[in-house]
C-alpha atoms as a PDB file:
ATOM      1  CA  UNK A   1      87.565  87.007 131.169  1.00  0.00           C
ATOM      2  CA  UNK A   2      89.239  90.450 132.050  1.00  0.00           C
ATOM      3  CA  UNK A   3      92.405  88.729 133.346  1.00  0.00           C
ATOM      4  CA  UNK A   4      92.605  86.712 130.056  1.00  0.00           C
ATOM      5  CA  UNK A   5      92.441  89.993 128.092  1.00  0.00           C
ATOM      6  CA  UNK A   6      95.057  91.644 130.209  1.00  0.00           C
ATOM      7  CA  UNK A   7      97.548  88.712 129.829  1.00  0.00           C
ATOM      8  CA  UNK A   8      97.008  88.370 126.190  1.00  0.00           C
ATOM      9  CA  UNK A   9      97.574  92.218 125.958  1.00  0.00           C
ATOM     10  CA  UNK A  10     100.925  92.046 127.905  1.00  0.00           C
ATOM     11  CA  UNK A  11     101.953  89.078 125.653  1.00  0.00           C
ATOM     12  CA  UNK A  12     101.383  91.100 122.625  1.00  0.00           C
ATOM     13  CA  UNK A  13     103.199  94.212 124.166  1.00  0.00           C
ATOM     14  CA  UNK A  14     106.343  91.966 124.425  1.00  0.00           C
ATOM     15  CA  UNK A  15     106.336  91.910 120.594  1.00  0.00           C
ATOM     16  CA  UNK A  16     106.602  95.808 120.427  1.00  0.00           C
ATOM     17  CA  UNK A  17     109.797  97.631 120.051  1.00  0.00           C
ATOM     18  CA  UNK A  18     111.011  99.442 123.296  1.00  0.00           C
ATOM     19  CA  UNK A  19     111.022 102.957 121.784  1.00  0.00           C
ATOM     20  CA  UNK A  20     107.344 102.786 120.193  1.00  0.00           C
ATOM     21  CA  UNK A  21     106.743 106.456 120.752  1.00  0.00           C
ATOM     22  CA  UNK A  22     109.513 107.319 118.183  1.00  0.00           C
ATOM     23  CA  UNK A  23     107.816 105.295 115.494  1.00  0.00           C
ATOM     24  CA  UNK A  24     104.856 105.855 113.228  1.00  0.00           C
ATOM     25  CA  UNK A  25     102.603 103.152 114.699  1.00  0.00           C
ATOM     26  CA  UNK A  26      98.969 102.750 114.026  1.00  0.00           C
ATOM     27  CA  UNK A  27      96.338 100.518 115.800  1.00  0.00           C
ATOM     28  CA  UNK A  28      92.768  99.838 114.407  1.00  0.00           C
ATOM     29  CA  UNK A  29      90.896  98.160 117.152  1.00  0.00           C
ATOM     30  CA  UNK A  30      87.280  96.992 116.386  1.00  0.00           C
ATOM     31  CA  UNK A  31      85.152  95.485 119.155  1.00  0.00           C
ATOM     32  CA  UNK A  32      81.471  94.434 118.553  1.00  0.00           C
ATOM     33  CA  UNK A  33      79.309  93.180 121.355  1.00  0.00           C
ATOM     34  CA  UNK A  34      76.018  94.528 119.822  1.00  0.00           C
ATOM     35  CA  UNK A  35      74.715  93.369 116.495  1.00  0.00           C
ATOM     36  CA  UNK A  36      71.760  94.289 114.587  1.00  0.00           C
ATOM     37  CA  UNK A  37      70.755  90.642 113.504  1.00  0.00           C
ATOM     38  CA  UNK A  38      73.263  88.440 115.184  1.00  0.00           C
ATOM     39  CA  UNK A  39      73.348  87.341 118.927  1.00  0.00           C
ATOM     40  CA  UNK A  40      75.383  89.751 121.038  1.00  0.00           C
ATOM     41  CA  UNK A  41      78.604  88.954 122.808  1.00  0.00           C
ATOM     42  CA  UNK A  42      79.598  89.699 126.324  1.00  0.00           C
ATOM     43  CA  UNK A  43      83.143  90.902 126.161  1.00  0.00           C
ATOM     44  CA  UNK A  44      84.230  91.765 122.560  1.00  0.00           C
ATOM     45  CA  UNK A  45      84.062  95.593 123.139  1.00  0.00           C
ATOM     46  CA  UNK A  46      85.568  95.354 126.630  1.00  0.00           C
ATOM     47  CA  UNK A  47      88.482  93.366 125.379  1.00  0.00           C
ATOM     48  CA  UNK A  48      89.337  95.956 122.637  1.00  0.00           C
ATOM     49  CA  UNK A  49      89.036  98.770 125.088  1.00  0.00           C
ATOM     50  CA  UNK A  50      91.473  97.047 127.517  1.00  0.00           C
ATOM     51  CA  UNK A  51      93.975  96.475 124.748  1.00  0.00           C
ATOM     52  CA  UNK A  52      93.687 100.152 123.715  1.00  0.00           C
ATOM     53  CA  UNK A  53      94.671 101.014 127.320  1.00  0.00           C
ATOM     54  CA  UNK A  54      97.490  98.668 127.399  1.00  0.00           C
ATOM     55  CA  UNK A  55      98.852 100.161 124.082  1.00  0.00           C
ATOM     56  CA  UNK A  56      98.684 103.593 125.273  1.00  0.00           C
ATOM     57  CA  UNK A  57      99.736 103.180 128.951  1.00  0.00           C
ATOM     58  CA  UNK A  58     102.391 100.553 128.525  1.00  0.00           C
ATOM     59  CA  UNK A  59     103.045 100.098 124.810  1.00  0.00           C
ATOM     60  CA  UNK A  60     104.196 103.544 123.821  1.00  0.00           C
ATOM     61  CA  UNK A  61     101.370 104.411 121.460  1.00  0.00           C
ATOM     62  CA  UNK A  62      99.993 107.791 121.473  1.00  0.00           C
ATOM     63  CA  UNK A  63      96.072 107.953 121.803  1.00  0.00           C
ATOM     64  CA  UNK A  64      96.072 109.657 118.279  1.00  0.00           C
ATOM     65  CA  UNK A  65      97.736 106.485 116.992  1.00  0.00           C
ATOM     66  CA  UNK A  66      94.827 104.139 118.084  1.00  0.00           C
ATOM     67  CA  UNK A  67      91.336 104.117 116.609  1.00  0.00           C
ATOM     68  CA  UNK A  68      88.589 102.369 118.443  1.00  0.00           C
ATOM     69  CA  UNK A  69      85.410 101.290 116.559  1.00  0.00           C
ATOM     70  CA  UNK A  70      82.800  99.877 118.863  1.00  0.00           C
ATOM     71  CA  UNK A  71      79.500  98.142 118.549  1.00  0.00           C
ATOM     72  CA  UNK A  72      76.982  99.856 116.318  1.00  0.00           C
ATOM     73  CA  UNK A  73      79.671 102.308 114.971  1.00  0.00           C
ATOM     74  CA  UNK A  74      81.410  99.128 113.488  1.00  0.00           C
ATOM     75  CA  UNK A  75      79.441  98.972 110.206  1.00  0.00           C
ATOM     76  CA  UNK A  76      80.748  97.500 107.092  1.00  0.00           C
ATOM     77  CA  UNK A  77      81.120 101.116 105.709  1.00  0.00           C
ATOM     78  CA  UNK A  78      82.748 102.511 108.657  1.00  0.00           C
ATOM     79  CA  UNK A  79      85.332  99.607 108.956  1.00  0.00           C
ATOM     80  CA  UNK A  80      86.037  99.855 105.102  1.00  0.00           C
ATOM     81  CA  UNK A  81      86.669 103.764 105.737  1.00  0.00           C
ATOM     82  CA  UNK A  82      89.068 103.177 108.590  1.00  0.00           C
ATOM     83  CA  UNK A  83      91.181 100.501 106.726  1.00  0.00           C
ATOM     84  CA  UNK A  84      91.279 103.089 103.639  1.00  0.00           C
ATOM     85  CA  UNK A  85      92.445 105.683 105.905  1.00  0.00           C
ATOM     86  CA  UNK A  86      95.222 103.671 107.348  1.00  0.00           C
ATOM     87  CA  UNK A  87      96.298 102.684 103.742  1.00  0.00           C
ATOM     88  CA  UNK A  88      96.214 106.391 102.501  1.00  0.00           C
ATOM     89  CA  UNK A  89      98.274 107.443 105.711  1.00  0.00           C
ATOM     90  CA  UNK A  90     100.754 104.646 104.964  1.00  0.00           C
ATOM     91  CA  UNK A  91     101.456 105.906 101.460  1.00  0.00           C
ATOM     92  CA  UNK A  92     102.036 109.519 102.812  1.00  0.00           C
ATOM     93  CA  UNK A  93     104.427 108.247 105.553  1.00  0.00           C
ATOM     94  CA  UNK A  94     105.239 104.466 105.931  1.00  0.00           C
ATOM     95  CA  UNK A  95     103.775 102.987 109.121  1.00  0.00           C
ATOM     96  CA  UNK A  96     106.389 101.236 111.122  1.00  0.00           C
ATOM     97  CA  UNK A  97     103.834  98.941 112.868  1.00  0.00           C
ATOM     98  CA  UNK A  98     100.112  98.205 112.380  1.00  0.00           C
ATOM     99  CA  UNK A  99      97.876  96.408 114.642  1.00  0.00           C
ATOM    100  CA  UNK A 100      94.511  95.246 113.526  1.00  0.00           C
ATOM    101  CA  UNK A 101      92.442  93.698 116.316  1.00  0.00           C
ATOM    102  CA  UNK A 102      88.832  92.393 115.573  1.00  0.00           C
ATOM    103  CA  UNK A 103      86.685  90.994 118.351  1.00  0.00           C
ATOM    104  CA  UNK A 104      83.302  89.829 117.262  1.00  0.00           C
ATOM    105  CA  UNK A 105      81.459  87.499 115.108  1.00  0.00           C
ATOM    106  CA  UNK A 106      82.662  85.756 111.967  1.00  0.00           C
ATOM    107  CA  UNK A 107      80.225  84.360 109.426  1.00  0.00           C
ATOM    108  CA  UNK A 108      80.131  82.187 106.165  1.00  0.00           C
ATOM    109  CA  UNK A 109      79.831  83.852 102.852  1.00  0.00           C
ATOM    110  CA  UNK A 110      77.665  83.131 100.038  1.00  0.00           C
ATOM    111  CA  UNK A 111      80.676  81.525  98.348  1.00  0.00           C
ATOM    112  CA  UNK A 112      80.524  77.834  97.740  1.00  0.00           C
ATOM    113  CA  UNK A 113      82.739  76.281 100.437  1.00  0.00           C
ATOM    114  CA  UNK A 114      85.218  73.648 100.143  1.00  0.00           C
ATOM    115  CA  UNK A 115      86.827  74.545  96.730  1.00  0.00           C
ATOM    116  CA  UNK A 116      90.655  74.094  96.413  1.00  0.00           C
ATOM    117  CA  UNK A 117      92.506  77.525  95.593  1.00  0.00           C
ATOM    118  CA  UNK A 118      95.412  77.831  93.195  1.00  0.00           C
ATOM    119  CA  UNK A 119      97.770  76.565  95.827  1.00  0.00           C
ATOM    120  CA  UNK A 120      95.659  73.382  96.336  1.00  0.00           C
ATOM    121  CA  UNK A 121      94.627  74.594  99.910  1.00  0.00           C
ATOM    122  CA  UNK A 122      90.838  74.534 100.619  1.00  0.00           C
ATOM    123  CA  UNK A 123      89.472  77.997 100.968  1.00  0.00           C
ATOM    124  CA  UNK A 124      87.374  78.582 104.124  1.00  0.00           C
ATOM    125  CA  UNK A 125      85.015  81.395 102.981  1.00  0.00           C
ATOM    126  CA  UNK A 126      84.575  82.805 106.533  1.00  0.00           C
ATOM    127  CA  UNK A 127      84.513  86.467 107.014  1.00  0.00           C
ATOM    128  CA  UNK A 128      84.491  89.070 109.815  1.00  0.00           C
ATOM    129  CA  UNK A 129      80.911  90.283 110.691  1.00  0.00           C
ATOM    130  CA  UNK A 130      80.518  93.968 111.058  1.00  0.00           C
ATOM    131  CA  UNK A 131      77.702  95.249 113.400  1.00  0.00           C
ATOM    132  CA  UNK A 132      75.248  95.675 110.448  1.00  0.00           C
ATOM    133  CA  UNK A 133      75.913  92.134 109.128  1.00  0.00           C
ATOM    134  CA  UNK A 134      72.716  90.442 107.592  1.00  0.00           C
ATOM    135  CA  UNK A 135      71.766  86.840 107.618  1.00  0.00           C
ATOM    136  CA  UNK A 136      68.968  87.429 105.080  1.00  0.00           C
ATOM    137  CA  UNK A 137      71.118  86.765 102.080  1.00  0.00           C
ATOM    138  CA  UNK A 138      72.538  83.499 103.411  1.00  0.00           C
ATOM    139  CA  UNK A 139      69.257  81.788 103.090  1.00  0.00           C
ATOM    140  CA  UNK A 140      68.729  79.981  99.679  1.00  0.00           C
END
């Protein structure tokens, strides 16, 4: 699994500009292996940590440009605040490249699935699950 993570990270690095240090880059990396109610995952947090290392050691990202949110820290509120911070920062100074990585569970919403949207495509209604995701409201 670790080899796969490194290979994927190197592939993603190939997409980055050569002089990344001169750019205003940001990365928000969220890895959740420990959930309050959902079954845990083995490598989600490790994959995010590995990608963070690849960005800072080989991708030209400064450590201050990479935000790691792991496991029980990755609550709905914390993730929302981190996204809002990136948006606010981009309004002050445009961000050249933004990477959002989420390694964790997804889960269905309470929205009725299978409806066609305005474009005629079927909506999926699956969302990323924060560490404090609750399945209690999914039961009818």
